[in-house]
Amino acid sequence: MDVGVLIPQGWTGEYDGWDATKAWQRTAWLARQADALGFESIWLFDHFHTVPRPTEEITFEAFIGLSALAAITERPRLGHLVSCAGYRNPALVAKMIATMDVISGGRIDFGVGAGWKEDEWTAYGYGFPSLRERQTRLRDALEISTRMLRGNRSTYDGGTASVHDAINVPQPVGRPSVPIVVGGNGQRVTWGLAASFADELNLDGMTPDDVKAAMPIIRQRCEEAGRDPSTLAVSIHIWWEHLRRGDPRAMLEGYADAGVSRAITLVRDAAQDDEALPRFRAAAADAGATLAEERPFAG
């Protein structure tokens, strides 16, 4: 099982009271440290306001932030966990993702979901559509991104978004294309969309037992889509609160036993503690996770 880390960006309040410049310097430092430690991937949340309630504190924007991290790292894959399909024009997002993939040397994973944080939707002028409409936007985003990330010209007419002979050059440099990661726990629609479009389904906050129970349903969604279930990877977003309260090694072993191919978590204490990521790396290694060789890191 691979292990990736969400890099602190302020969303959970880890940068409350910080100077913004110093906070970004810390984010960049942690990304370089994660690279040196051999984590498989680096991720950012796609959020505008802090959680659990919106406050006037730092939350760095995910697409700009990840592009900057792509320029200062070398080995890990990079992605959003997950971008909201309703926040940006999906054709523009596909163009952005392709450009980011070139910048990173083919290391981008395109994470996308329907979105849920109502205060962000309304504050930024998107309204807050019904779950059905948000799911429709996700479907249209997947239709468009699949076409645009796998061909120079694309046409698609959807209920919420369309492209008409849209040119997307440069294409991603990763082959065969940018992997698509659909995030969410919706057993009928979200998992069905993952089965139809994605390379990976990311489950959010489930326990290892929850994941075991979900696997037969995920296989069923693949079969309904006419797909071999073995071709859809399943990953887990471990909530940072769960990680802090539990035994990281036992937790990772449980997810590996449940059939998870990649575990991703925010090591929130890393915002303050230089040794938090190395400790988590040691726990992942003890759990038998797949990690790249450590490299010297001077900071």
C-alpha atoms as a PDB file:
ATOM      1  CA  MET A   1       0.000   0.000   0.000  1.00  0.00           C
ATOM      2  CA  ASP A   2       1.254   3.471  -0.919  1.00  0.00           C
ATOM      3  CA  VAL A   3       1.095   6.314   1.600  1.00  0.00           C
ATOM      4  CA  GLY A   4       0.605   9.980   0.763  1.00  0.00           C
ATOM      5  CA  VAL A   5       0.354  13.073   2.927  1.00  0.00           C
ATOM      6  CA  LEU A   6      -1.796  16.164   2.860  1.00  0.00           C
ATOM      7  CA  ILE A   7       0.465  19.147   3.452  1.00  0.00           C
ATOM      8  CA  PRO A   8      -0.790  21.741   5.974  1.00  0.00           C
ATOM      9  CA  GLN A   9      -2.366  24.720   4.200  1.00  0.00           C
ATOM     10  CA  GLY A  10      -4.449  26.219   7.016  1.00  0.00           C
ATOM     11  CA  TRP A  11      -7.836  24.602   6.313  1.00  0.00           C
ATOM     12  CA  THR A  12      -8.099  22.835   9.675  1.00  0.00           C
ATOM     13  CA  GLY A  13      -6.856  25.853  11.633  1.00  0.00           C
ATOM     14  CA  GLU A  14      -3.247  24.737  11.841  1.00  0.00           C
ATOM     15  CA  TYR A  15      -2.067  28.198  10.709  1.00  0.00           C
ATOM     16  CA  ASP A  16      -4.453  30.273  12.830  1.00  0.00           C
ATOM     17  CA  GLY A  17      -2.652  33.444  13.932  1.00  0.00           C
ATOM     18  CA  TRP A  18       0.300  32.897  11.585  1.00  0.00           C
ATOM     19  CA  ASP A  19       1.787  35.453   9.250  1.00  0.00           C
ATOM     20  CA  ALA A  20       0.803  34.335   5.750  1.00  0.00           C
ATOM     21  CA  THR A  21       4.341  34.459   4.349  1.00  0.00           C
ATOM     22  CA  LYS A  22       5.705  32.340   7.182  1.00  0.00           C
ATOM     23  CA  ALA A  23       2.809  29.897   6.820  1.00  0.00           C
ATOM     24  CA  TRP A  24       3.519  29.383   3.126  1.00  0.00           C
ATOM     25  CA  GLN A  25       7.212  28.951   3.827  1.00  0.00           C
ATOM     26  CA  ARG A  26       6.248  26.203   6.284  1.00  0.00           C
ATOM     27  CA  THR A  27       4.015  24.514   3.700  1.00  0.00           C
ATOM     28  CA  ALA A  28       6.823  24.555   1.155  1.00  0.00           C
ATOM     29  CA  TRP A  29       9.343  23.259   3.715  1.00  0.00           C
ATOM     30  CA  LEU A  30       7.041  20.369   4.623  1.00  0.00           C
ATOM     31  CA  ALA A  31       6.526  19.458   0.966  1.00  0.00           C
ATOM     32  CA  ARG A  32      10.290  19.226   0.475  1.00  0.00           C
ATOM     33  CA  GLN A  33      10.569  17.189   3.679  1.00  0.00           C
ATOM     34  CA  ALA A  34       7.826  14.808   2.503  1.00  0.00           C
ATOM     35  CA  ASP A  35       9.702  14.372  -0.783  1.00  0.00           C
ATOM     36  CA  ALA A  36      12.947  13.592   1.050  1.00  0.00           C
ATOM     37  CA  LEU A  37      11.156  11.102   3.337  1.00  0.00           C
ATOM     38  CA  GLY A  38       9.899   9.112   0.357  1.00  0.00           C
ATOM     39  CA  PHE A  39       6.140   9.539   0.643  1.00  0.00           C
ATOM     40  CA  GLU A  40       4.381   8.378  -2.494  1.00  0.00           C
ATOM     41  CA  SER A  41       2.231  11.485  -2.967  1.00  0.00           C
ATOM     42  CA  ILE A  42       1.492  15.020  -1.736  1.00  0.00           C
ATOM     43  CA  TRP A  43      -2.022  16.494  -1.636  1.00  0.00           C
ATOM     44  CA  LEU A  44      -3.905  19.684  -0.835  1.00  0.00           C
ATOM     45  CA  PHE A  45      -7.548  20.177   0.132  1.00  0.00           C
ATOM     46  CA  ASP A  46      -9.663  22.254  -2.274  1.00  0.00           C
ATOM     47  CA  HIS A  47     -11.295  24.642   0.205  1.00  0.00           C
ATOM     48  CA  PHE A  48     -11.624  28.410   0.633  1.00  0.00           C
ATOM     49  CA  HIS A  49     -12.807  28.667   4.263  1.00  0.00           C
ATOM     50  CA  THR A  50     -11.570  27.021   7.430  1.00  0.00           C
ATOM     51  CA  VAL A  51     -13.348  24.073   9.023  1.00  0.00           C
ATOM     52  CA  PRO A  52     -15.473  23.355  11.062  1.00  0.00           C
ATOM     53  CA  ARG A  53     -16.615  26.982  10.821  1.00  0.00           C
ATOM     54  CA  PRO A  54     -15.422  29.745   8.517  1.00  0.00           C
ATOM     55  CA  THR A  55     -13.000  32.134  10.195  1.00  0.00           C
ATOM     56  CA  GLU A  56     -10.748  34.915   8.971  1.00  0.00           C
ATOM     57  CA  GLU A  57      -7.687  32.679   9.013  1.00  0.00           C
ATOM     58  CA  ILE A  58      -5.341  31.300   6.371  1.00  0.00           C
ATOM     59  CA  THR A  59      -6.527  28.754   3.821  1.00  0.00           C
ATOM     60  CA  PHE A  60      -4.201  28.650   0.816  1.00  0.00           C
ATOM     61  CA  GLU A  61      -5.887  28.044  -2.550  1.00  0.00           C
ATOM     62  CA  ALA A  62      -5.270  24.545  -3.833  1.00  0.00           C
ATOM     63  CA  PHE A  63      -4.498  24.907  -7.555  1.00  0.00           C
ATOM     64  CA  ILE A  64      -2.024  27.752  -7.122  1.00  0.00           C
ATOM     65  CA  GLY A  65      -0.548  26.012  -4.083  1.00  0.00           C
ATOM     66  CA  LEU A  66      -0.105  22.652  -5.759  1.00  0.00           C
ATOM     67  CA  SER A  67       1.491  24.251  -8.817  1.00  0.00           C
ATOM     68  CA  ALA A  68       4.044  25.893  -6.548  1.00  0.00           C
ATOM     69  CA  LEU A  69       4.737  22.592  -4.776  1.00  0.00           C
ATOM     70  CA  ALA A  70       5.197  20.883  -8.142  1.00  0.00           C
ATOM     71  CA  ALA A  71       8.070  23.245  -8.875  1.00  0.00           C
ATOM     72  CA  ILE A  72       9.941  22.498  -5.627  1.00  0.00           C
ATOM     73  CA  THR A  73       9.506  18.708  -5.376  1.00  0.00           C
ATOM     74  CA  GLU A  74      10.921  15.916  -7.510  1.00  0.00           C
ATOM     75  CA  ARG A  75       9.498  12.483  -6.709  1.00  0.00           C
ATOM     76  CA  PRO A  76       5.996  12.385  -5.204  1.00  0.00           C
ATOM     77  CA  ARG A  77       2.791  12.435  -7.170  1.00  0.00           C
ATOM     78  CA  LEU A  78       0.650  15.512  -6.583  1.00  0.00           C
ATOM     79  CA  GLY A  79      -3.104  15.999  -6.338  1.00  0.00           C
ATOM     80  CA  HIS A  80      -6.147  17.630  -4.798  1.00  0.00           C
ATOM     81  CA  LEU A  81      -8.171  15.651  -2.271  1.00  0.00           C
ATOM     82  CA  VAL A  82     -10.436  16.449  -3.959  1.00  0.00           C
ATOM     83  CA  SER A  83     -11.185  19.434  -6.166  1.00  0.00           C
ATOM     84  CA  CYS A  84     -14.820  20.567  -6.247  1.00  0.00           C
ATOM     85  CA  ALA A  85     -16.417  20.148  -9.667  1.00  0.00           C
ATOM     86  CA  GLY A  86     -18.715  23.110  -9.059  1.00  0.00           C
ATOM     87  CA  TYR A  87     -16.107  25.711  -8.165  1.00  0.00           C
ATOM     88  CA  ARG A  88     -14.489  26.206 -11.592  1.00  0.00           C
ATOM     89  CA  ASN A  89     -15.310  25.790 -15.254  1.00  0.00           C
ATOM     90  CA  PRO A  90     -14.457  22.110 -15.924  1.00  0.00           C
ATOM     91  CA  ALA A  91     -12.829  22.765 -19.291  1.00  0.00           C
ATOM     92  CA  LEU A  92     -10.564  25.373 -17.709  1.00  0.00           C
ATOM     93  CA  VAL A  93      -9.752  22.887 -14.934  1.00  0.00           C
ATOM     94  CA  ALA A  94      -8.741  20.285 -17.518  1.00  0.00           C
ATOM     95  CA  LYS A  95      -6.458  22.870 -19.137  1.00  0.00           C
ATOM     96  CA  MET A  96      -4.981  23.724 -15.736  1.00  0.00           C
ATOM     97  CA  ILE A  97      -4.431  20.062 -14.854  1.00  0.00           C
ATOM     98  CA  ALA A  98      -2.664  19.371 -18.149  1.00  0.00           C
ATOM     99  CA  THR A  99      -0.381  22.372 -17.619  1.00  0.00           C
ATOM    100  CA  MET A 100       0.335  21.306 -14.031  1.00  0.00           C
ATOM    101  CA  ASP A 101       1.224  17.836 -15.286  1.00  0.00           C
ATOM    102  CA  VAL A 102       3.803  19.315 -17.644  1.00  0.00           C
ATOM    103  CA  ILE A 103       5.220  21.517 -14.867  1.00  0.00           C
ATOM    104  CA  SER A 104       5.548  18.511 -12.556  1.00  0.00           C
ATOM    105  CA  GLY A 105       7.050  16.169 -15.131  1.00  0.00           C
ATOM    106  CA  GLY A 106       3.989  13.915 -15.282  1.00  0.00           C
ATOM    107  CA  ARG A 107       3.248  13.642 -11.548  1.00  0.00           C
ATOM    108  CA  ILE A 108      -0.335  14.965 -11.329  1.00  0.00           C
ATOM    109  CA  ASP A 109      -3.390  12.982 -10.211  1.00  0.00           C
ATOM    110  CA  PHE A 110      -6.704  14.722 -10.914  1.00  0.00           C
ATOM    111  CA  GLY A 111      -8.855  14.390  -7.808  1.00  0.00           C
ATOM    112  CA  VAL A 112     -12.460  15.572  -8.154  1.00  0.00           C
ATOM    113  CA  GLY A 113     -15.747  15.332  -6.272  1.00  0.00           C
ATOM    114  CA  ALA A 114     -19.187  16.912  -6.036  1.00  0.00           C
ATOM    115  CA  GLY A 115     -18.435  19.287  -3.134  1.00  0.00           C
ATOM    116  CA  TRP A 116     -20.211  19.714   0.182  1.00  0.00           C
ATOM    117  CA  LYS A 117     -19.080  22.801   2.160  1.00  0.00           C
ATOM    118  CA  GLU A 118     -22.146  25.017   1.906  1.00  0.00           C
ATOM    119  CA  ASP A 119     -20.608  28.160   3.432  1.00  0.00           C
ATOM    120  CA  GLU A 120     -17.966  28.239   0.677  1.00  0.00           C
ATOM    121  CA  TRP A 121     -20.499  27.769  -2.110  1.00  0.00           C
ATOM    122  CA  THR A 122     -22.719  30.594  -0.923  1.00  0.00           C
ATOM    123  CA  ALA A 123     -19.925  32.979   0.113  1.00  0.00           C
ATOM    124  CA  TYR A 124     -18.213  32.743  -3.268  1.00  0.00           C
ATOM    125  CA  GLY A 125     -21.439  33.252  -5.226  1.00  0.00           C
ATOM    126  CA  TYR A 126     -22.057  29.702  -6.449  1.00  0.00           C
ATOM    127  CA  GLY A 127     -25.333  29.292  -4.560  1.00  0.00           C
ATOM    128  CA  PHE A 128     -25.712  25.813  -3.104  1.00  0.00           C
ATOM    129  CA  PRO A 129     -27.335  23.493  -5.634  1.00  0.00           C
ATOM    130  CA  SER A 130     -29.106  20.299  -4.660  1.00  0.00           C
ATOM    131  CA  LEU A 131     -27.051  17.150  -4.273  1.00  0.00           C
ATOM    132  CA  ARG A 132     -28.500  15.899  -7.549  1.00  0.00           C
ATOM    133  CA  GLU A 133     -27.305  18.974  -9.426  1.00  0.00           C
ATOM    134  CA  ARG A 134     -23.875  18.808  -7.795  1.00  0.00           C
ATOM    135  CA  GLN A 135     -23.641  15.183  -8.890  1.00  0.00           C
ATOM    136  CA  THR A 136     -24.660  16.193 -12.416  1.00  0.00           C
ATOM    137  CA  ARG A 137     -21.891  18.790 -12.414  1.00  0.00           C
ATOM    138  CA  LEU A 138     -19.453  16.100 -11.337  1.00  0.00           C
ATOM    139  CA  ARG A 139     -20.578  13.842 -14.192  1.00  0.00           C
ATOM    140  CA  ASP A 140     -20.193  16.661 -16.720  1.00  0.00           C
ATOM    141  CA  ALA A 141     -16.772  17.544 -15.306  1.00  0.00           C
ATOM    142  CA  LEU A 142     -15.682  13.926 -15.671  1.00  0.00           C
ATOM    143  CA  GLU A 143     -17.003  13.711 -19.229  1.00  0.00           C
ATOM    144  CA  ILE A 144     -15.131  16.872 -20.183  1.00  0.00           C
ATOM    145  CA  SER A 145     -11.891  16.101 -18.368  1.00  0.00           C
ATOM    146  CA  THR A 146     -11.772  12.558 -19.759  1.00  0.00           C
ATOM    147  CA  ARG A 147     -11.989  13.932 -23.282  1.00  0.00           C
ATOM    148  CA  MET A 148      -9.685  16.907 -22.820  1.00  0.00           C
ATOM    149  CA  LEU A 149      -6.944  15.046 -20.972  1.00  0.00           C
ATOM    150  CA  ARG A 150      -6.876  12.310 -23.622  1.00  0.00           C
ATOM    151  CA  GLY A 151      -7.121  14.234 -26.864  1.00  0.00           C
ATOM    152  CA  ASN A 152      -6.209  17.568 -28.437  1.00  0.00           C
ATOM    153  CA  ARG A 153      -9.801  18.479 -29.404  1.00  0.00           C
ATOM    154  CA  SER A 154     -12.977  17.773 -27.464  1.00  0.00           C
ATOM    155  CA  THR A 155     -16.717  18.249 -27.861  1.00  0.00           C
ATOM    156  CA  TYR A 156     -19.387  17.449 -25.281  1.00  0.00           C
ATOM    157  CA  ASP A 157     -22.833  18.856 -24.526  1.00  0.00           C
ATOM    158  CA  GLY A 158     -23.850  18.388 -20.911  1.00  0.00           C
ATOM    159  CA  GLY A 159     -26.593  19.638 -18.657  1.00  0.00           C
ATOM    160  CA  THR A 160     -24.276  21.946 -16.699  1.00  0.00           C
ATOM    161  CA  ALA A 161     -21.178  22.350 -18.897  1.00  0.00           C
ATOM    162  CA  SER A 162     -20.165  21.955 -22.529  1.00  0.00           C
ATOM    163  CA  VAL A 163     -17.153  22.151 -24.804  1.00  0.00           C
ATOM    164  CA  HIS A 164     -17.218  22.648 -28.561  1.00  0.00           C
ATOM    165  CA  ASP A 165     -14.093  21.685 -30.468  1.00  0.00           C
ATOM    166  CA  ALA A 166     -12.045  22.789 -27.460  1.00  0.00           C
ATOM    167  CA  ILE A 167      -8.300  22.517 -27.978  1.00  0.00           C
ATOM    168  CA  ASN A 168      -6.208  21.357 -25.027  1.00  0.00           C
ATOM    169  CA  VAL A 169      -2.526  21.599 -25.885  1.00  0.00           C
ATOM    170  CA  PRO A 170      -0.204  20.769 -24.257  1.00  0.00           C
ATOM    171  CA  GLN A 171      -1.550  17.387 -23.381  1.00  0.00           C
ATOM    172  CA  PRO A 172      -0.372  15.779 -20.134  1.00  0.00           C
ATOM    173  CA  VAL A 173       3.103  14.272 -20.325  1.00  0.00           C
ATOM    174  CA  GLY A 174       2.200  11.382 -18.018  1.00  0.00           C
ATOM    175  CA  ARG A 175       1.140   8.265 -19.895  1.00  0.00           C
ATOM    176  CA  PRO A 176      -1.392   7.134 -20.790  1.00  0.00           C
ATOM    177  CA  SER A 177      -2.816  10.296 -19.172  1.00  0.00           C
ATOM    178  CA  VAL A 178      -3.420  12.004 -15.848  1.00  0.00           C
ATOM    179  CA  PRO A 179      -5.000   9.457 -13.471  1.00  0.00           C
ATOM    180  CA  ILE A 180      -8.500  10.495 -12.371  1.00  0.00           C
ATOM    181  CA  VAL A 181      -9.430  10.083  -8.698  1.00  0.00           C
ATOM    182  CA  VAL A 182     -13.111  10.434  -7.783  1.00  0.00           C
ATOM    183  CA  GLY A 183     -13.679  11.183  -4.110  1.00  0.00           C
ATOM    184  CA  GLY A 184     -16.763  10.499  -2.014  1.00  0.00           C
ATOM    185  CA  ASN A 185     -18.806   7.958  -0.102  1.00  0.00           C
ATOM    186  CA  GLY A 186     -21.998   7.990  -2.167  1.00  0.00           C
ATOM    187  CA  GLN A 187     -22.590   4.324  -2.895  1.00  0.00           C
ATOM    188  CA  ARG A 188     -24.941   4.741  -5.849  1.00  0.00           C
ATOM    189  CA  VAL A 189     -23.969   7.858  -7.819  1.00  0.00           C
ATOM    190  CA  THR A 190     -20.392   8.693  -6.770  1.00  0.00           C
ATOM    191  CA  TRP A 191     -19.150   5.132  -6.825  1.00  0.00           C
ATOM    192  CA  GLY A 192     -20.965   4.594 -10.113  1.00  0.00           C
ATOM    193  CA  LEU A 193     -19.209   7.607 -11.619  1.00  0.00           C
ATOM    194  CA  ALA A 194     -15.873   6.326 -10.336  1.00  0.00           C
ATOM    195  CA  ALA A 195     -16.554   2.971 -11.969  1.00  0.00           C
ATOM    196  CA  SER A 196     -17.380   4.702 -15.264  1.00  0.00           C
ATOM    197  CA  PHE A 197     -14.629   7.315 -15.391  1.00  0.00           C
ATOM    198  CA  ALA A 198     -11.952   7.016 -12.733  1.00  0.00           C
ATOM    199  CA  ASP A 199      -8.686   5.214 -12.201  1.00  0.00           C
ATOM    200  CA  GLU A 200      -9.192   5.421  -8.441  1.00  0.00           C
ATOM    201  CA  LEU A 201     -12.013   5.845  -5.918  1.00  0.00           C
ATOM    202  CA  ASN A 202     -11.058   7.724  -2.759  1.00  0.00           C
ATOM    203  CA  LEU A 203     -13.162   6.922   0.308  1.00  0.00           C
ATOM    204  CA  ASP A 204     -13.469   9.610   2.950  1.00  0.00           C
ATOM    205  CA  GLY A 205     -12.921   8.904   6.637  1.00  0.00           C
ATOM    206  CA  MET A 206     -14.065   5.288   6.603  1.00  0.00           C
ATOM    207  CA  THR A 207     -12.655   2.780   9.090  1.00  0.00           C
ATOM    208  CA  PRO A 208     -10.954  -0.375   7.826  1.00  0.00           C
ATOM    209  CA  ASP A 209     -14.122  -2.341   8.664  1.00  0.00           C
ATOM    210  CA  ASP A 210     -16.195   0.212   6.706  1.00  0.00           C
ATOM    211  CA  VAL A 211     -13.891  -0.256   3.730  1.00  0.00           C
ATOM    212  CA  LYS A 212     -14.208  -4.029   3.869  1.00  0.00           C
ATOM    213  CA  ALA A 213     -17.984  -3.707   3.850  1.00  0.00           C
ATOM    214  CA  ALA A 214     -17.820  -1.259   0.931  1.00  0.00           C
ATOM    215  CA  MET A 215     -15.660  -3.407  -1.344  1.00  0.00           C
ATOM    216  CA  PRO A 216     -18.465  -5.712  -2.601  1.00  0.00           C
ATOM    217  CA  ILE A 217     -20.605  -2.679  -3.462  1.00  0.00           C
ATOM    218  CA  ILE A 218     -17.715  -1.039  -5.317  1.00  0.00           C
ATOM    219  CA  ARG A 219     -17.189  -4.263  -7.255  1.00  0.00           C
ATOM    220  CA  GLN A 220     -20.893  -4.271  -8.106  1.00  0.00           C
ATOM    221  CA  ARG A 221     -20.718  -0.711  -9.442  1.00  0.00           C
ATOM    222  CA  CYS A 222     -17.803  -1.721 -11.662  1.00  0.00           C
ATOM    223  CA  GLU A 223     -19.708  -4.718 -12.978  1.00  0.00           C
ATOM    224  CA  GLU A 224     -22.732  -2.515 -13.695  1.00  0.00           C
ATOM    225  CA  ALA A 225     -20.430  -0.241 -15.715  1.00  0.00           C
ATOM    226  CA  GLY A 226     -19.036  -3.236 -17.620  1.00  0.00           C
ATOM    227  CA  ARG A 227     -15.656  -2.868 -15.977  1.00  0.00           C
ATOM    228  CA  ASP A 228     -13.247  -5.320 -14.392  1.00  0.00           C
ATOM    229  CA  PRO A 229     -13.322  -4.364 -10.671  1.00  0.00           C
ATOM    230  CA  SER A 230      -9.597  -5.048 -10.361  1.00  0.00           C
ATOM    231  CA  THR A 231      -8.898  -2.031 -12.598  1.00  0.00           C
ATOM    232  CA  LEU A 232     -10.400   0.494 -10.135  1.00  0.00           C
ATOM    233  CA  ALA A 233      -7.995   1.269  -7.311  1.00  0.00           C
ATOM    234  CA  VAL A 234      -9.484   2.147  -3.917  1.00  0.00           C
ATOM    235  CA  SER A 235      -7.783   4.634  -1.612  1.00  0.00           C
ATOM    236  CA  ILE A 236      -8.660   6.140   1.757  1.00  0.00           C
ATOM    237  CA  HIS A 237      -8.509   9.638   3.201  1.00  0.00           C
ATOM    238  CA  ILE A 238      -7.755   9.116   6.906  1.00  0.00           C
ATOM    239  CA  TRP A 239      -9.074  12.061   8.894  1.00  0.00           C
ATOM    240  CA  TRP A 240      -6.336  13.727  10.889  1.00  0.00           C
ATOM    241  CA  GLU A 241      -8.416  13.449  14.070  1.00  0.00           C
ATOM    242  CA  HIS A 242      -8.597   9.671  13.639  1.00  0.00           C
ATOM    243  CA  LEU A 243      -4.856   9.485  13.018  1.00  0.00           C
ATOM    244  CA  ARG A 244      -4.068  11.503  16.146  1.00  0.00           C
ATOM    245  CA  ARG A 245      -6.343   9.389  18.370  1.00  0.00           C
ATOM    246  CA  GLY A 246      -5.292   6.012  17.003  1.00  0.00           C
ATOM    247  CA  ASP A 247      -2.206   3.894  16.429  1.00  0.00           C
ATOM    248  CA  PRO A 248      -0.926   4.913  12.955  1.00  0.00           C
ATOM    249  CA  ARG A 249       0.810   1.595  12.332  1.00  0.00           C
ATOM    250  CA  ALA A 250      -2.228  -0.515  13.265  1.00  0.00           C
ATOM    251  CA  MET A 251      -4.498   1.796  11.297  1.00  0.00           C
ATOM    252  CA  LEU A 252      -2.403   1.499   8.133  1.00  0.00           C
ATOM    253  CA  GLU A 253      -2.162  -2.271   8.519  1.00  0.00           C
ATOM    254  CA  GLY A 254      -5.954  -2.423   8.805  1.00  0.00           C
ATOM    255  CA  TYR A 255      -6.457  -0.461   5.600  1.00  0.00           C
ATOM    256  CA  ALA A 256      -3.945  -2.585   3.715  1.00  0.00           C
ATOM    257  CA  ASP A 257      -5.757  -5.701   4.899  1.00  0.00           C
ATOM    258  CA  ALA A 258      -9.049  -4.195   3.681  1.00  0.00           C
ATOM    259  CA  GLY A 259      -7.668  -3.917   0.153  1.00  0.00           C
ATOM    260  CA  VAL A 260      -6.770  -0.220   0.065  1.00  0.00           C
ATOM    261  CA  SER A 261      -4.051   0.625  -2.461  1.00  0.00           C
ATOM    262  CA  ARG A 262      -3.209   4.096  -1.131  1.00  0.00           C
ATOM    263  CA  ALA A 263      -3.730   5.813   2.226  1.00  0.00           C
ATOM    264  CA  ILE A 264      -3.632   9.615   2.461  1.00  0.00           C
ATOM    265  CA  THR A 265      -3.757  11.715   5.620  1.00  0.00           C
ATOM    266  CA  LEU A 266      -3.027  15.143   7.015  1.00  0.00           C
ATOM    267  CA  VAL A 267      -0.319  14.959   9.664  1.00  0.00           C
ATOM    268  CA  ARG A 268      -1.626  18.130  11.232  1.00  0.00           C
ATOM    269  CA  ASP A 269       1.044  18.350  13.937  1.00  0.00           C
ATOM    270  CA  ALA A 270       3.640  18.852  11.208  1.00  0.00           C
ATOM    271  CA  ALA A 271       2.647  22.512  11.050  1.00  0.00           C
ATOM    272  CA  GLN A 272       4.418  22.963  14.391  1.00  0.00           C
ATOM    273  CA  ASP A 273       6.615  19.884  14.814  1.00  0.00           C
ATOM    274  CA  ASP A 274       9.571  19.158  12.503  1.00  0.00           C
ATOM    275  CA  GLU A 275       9.554  15.492  13.553  1.00  0.00           C
ATOM    276  CA  ALA A 276       5.859  14.771  12.909  1.00  0.00           C
ATOM    277  CA  LEU A 277       6.307  13.619   9.305  1.00  0.00           C
ATOM    278  CA  PRO A 278       9.391  11.486  10.110  1.00  0.00           C
ATOM    279  CA  ARG A 279       7.443   9.776  12.921  1.00  0.00           C
ATOM    280  CA  PHE A 280       4.561   9.044  10.570  1.00  0.00           C
ATOM    281  CA  ARG A 281       6.985   7.782   7.944  1.00  0.00           C
ATOM    282  CA  ALA A 282       8.447   5.362  10.484  1.00  0.00           C
ATOM    283  CA  ALA A 283       4.967   4.109  11.396  1.00  0.00           C
ATOM    284  CA  ALA A 284       4.143   3.614   7.709  1.00  0.00           C
ATOM    285  CA  ALA A 285       7.373   1.691   7.155  1.00  0.00           C
ATOM    286  CA  ASP A 286       6.619  -0.518  10.172  1.00  0.00           C
ATOM    287  CA  ALA A 287       3.173  -1.197   8.680  1.00  0.00           C
ATOM    288  CA  GLY A 288       4.798  -2.464   5.478  1.00  0.00           C
ATOM    289  CA  ALA A 289       3.834   0.522   3.318  1.00  0.00           C
ATOM    290  CA  THR A 290       5.557   1.152   0.009  1.00  0.00           C
ATOM    291  CA  LEU A 291       7.883   4.138   0.413  1.00  0.00           C
ATOM    292  CA  ALA A 292      10.681   5.545  -1.666  1.00  0.00           C
ATOM    293  CA  GLU A 293      14.187   5.633  -0.277  1.00  0.00           C
ATOM    294  CA  GLU A 294      14.818   8.433   2.197  1.00  0.00           C
ATOM    295  CA  ARG A 295      17.107  11.204   1.026  1.00  0.00           C
ATOM    296  CA  PRO A 296      19.110  13.669   3.124  1.00  0.00           C
ATOM    297  CA  PHE A 297      17.091  16.762   3.988  1.00  0.00           C
ATOM    298  CA  ALA A 298      18.728  19.938   5.179  1.00  0.00           C
ATOM    299  CA  GLY A 299      15.547  22.007   5.310  1.00  0.00           C
END
